[in-house]
Protein backbone atom coordinates (compact mmCIF):
# COMPACT_ATOMS: atom_id res chain seq x y z
CA MET A 1 0.00 0.00 0.00
CA ILE A 2 1.31 3.44 -0.94
CA ARG A 3 1.21 6.03 1.84
CA LYS A 4 -0.60 9.23 0.85
CA GLU A 5 2.31 11.51 1.77
CA LEU A 6 4.45 9.68 -0.80
CA VAL A 7 2.08 10.43 -3.69
CA LYS A 8 2.79 13.57 -5.70
CA ASN A 9 1.39 14.91 -8.94
CA ILE A 10 3.17 16.11 -12.04
CA THR A 11 2.48 19.74 -11.11
CA ASP A 12 4.38 19.27 -7.83
CA LEU A 13 7.29 17.91 -9.83
CA ARG A 14 7.25 20.79 -12.31
CA THR A 15 6.83 23.44 -9.62
CA ASP A 16 9.47 22.38 -7.11
CA PRO A 17 11.49 19.29 -8.06
CA ILE A 18 14.26 19.99 -5.53
CA SER A 19 11.86 19.81 -2.59
CA LEU A 20 10.54 16.46 -3.86
CA PHE A 21 14.05 15.03 -3.95
CA ALA A 22 14.60 16.36 -0.44
CA LEU A 23 11.35 14.73 0.69
CA ALA A 24 12.35 11.41 -0.84
CA ARG A 25 15.68 11.62 0.99
CA GLN A 26 13.99 12.58 4.27
CA LYS A 27 11.38 9.80 4.07
CA GLU A 28 13.99 7.31 2.82
CA SER A 29 11.33 6.18 0.39
CA PRO A 30 10.46 6.68 -3.26
CA LEU A 31 7.81 9.20 -4.21
CA TYR A 32 5.13 8.12 -6.65
CA VAL A 33 4.32 10.66 -9.35
CA PHE A 34 0.85 10.70 -10.88
CA ASN A 35 -0.71 12.60 -13.76
CA ARG A 36 -4.51 12.75 -13.59
CA ALA A 37 -4.74 9.65 -11.38
CA GLU A 38 -2.37 7.67 -13.63
CA PRO A 39 1.02 6.64 -12.25
CA ILE A 40 3.75 7.98 -14.52
CA GLY A 41 6.94 7.63 -12.53
CA VAL A 42 8.86 7.10 -9.35
CA LEU A 43 11.25 9.62 -7.85
CA LEU A 44 14.18 8.36 -5.76
CA SER A 45 16.90 10.09 -3.80
CA TRP A 46 20.39 9.50 -5.15
CA GLU A 47 21.21 7.33 -2.14
CA ASP A 48 18.16 5.13 -2.68
CA PHE A 49 19.00 4.83 -6.37
CA GLU A 50 22.56 3.73 -5.59
CA THR A 51 21.27 1.16 -3.09
CA LEU A 52 18.78 -0.14 -5.65
CA MET A 53 21.48 -0.45 -8.31
CA GLU A 54 23.84 -2.26 -5.93
CA ARG A 55 21.10 -4.76 -5.10
CA PHE A 56 20.30 -5.19 -8.77
CA GLU A 57 23.97 -5.87 -9.54
CA ASP A 58 24.16 -8.38 -6.69
CA VAL A 59 21.11 -10.25 -7.98
CA SER A 60 22.47 -10.13 -11.52
CA ASP A 61 25.81 -11.55 -10.32
CA LEU A 62 24.02 -14.34 -8.46
CA ASN A 63 21.98 -15.17 -11.56
CA GLU A 64 25.15 -15.32 -13.67
CA LEU A 65 26.82 -17.56 -11.10
CA GLU A 66 23.82 -19.88 -11.03
CA LEU A 67 23.81 -20.07 -14.83
CA ALA A 68 27.54 -20.80 -14.83
CA ARG A 69 27.04 -23.58 -12.29
CA LYS A 70 24.31 -25.13 -14.43
CA THR A 71 26.17 -24.89 -17.74
CA SER A 72 29.81 -25.41 -16.77
CA SER A 73 31.42 -28.54 -15.49
CA GLU A 74 34.16 -26.59 -13.72
CA LEU A 75 34.15 -23.10 -12.22
CA ILE A 76 37.36 -21.09 -12.21
CA PHE A 77 37.60 -18.70 -9.28
CA TRP A 78 39.17 -15.27 -9.63
CA GLU A 79 41.52 -15.58 -6.63
CA LYS A 80 42.99 -18.81 -8.02
CA THR A 81 43.28 -17.28 -11.49
CA LYS A 82 45.18 -14.25 -10.12
CA LYS A 83 47.66 -16.58 -8.41
CA ASP A 84 48.06 -18.63 -11.60
CA ILE A 85 48.93 -15.55 -13.67
CA ASN A 86 50.93 -13.83 -10.91
CA VAL A 87 48.70 -10.78 -10.50
């Protein structure tokens, strides 16, 4: 459920975007932007965006590892590889 204080309209965004970013940072939550009762976007603070991207990268890495385990008979680990090539 979306809390009412996190819902903003496109006019709010046009009028004072900086305060919306500040509000997102203060609430530590995304703001949901609507235009005439239709959701059109989500506004995140930079910190929340970075956290989201880090999590996405972690999940992506785990998916790649799982695929490698399923399709490869032998995994080669980076630490062992660095030793083998003297890095």
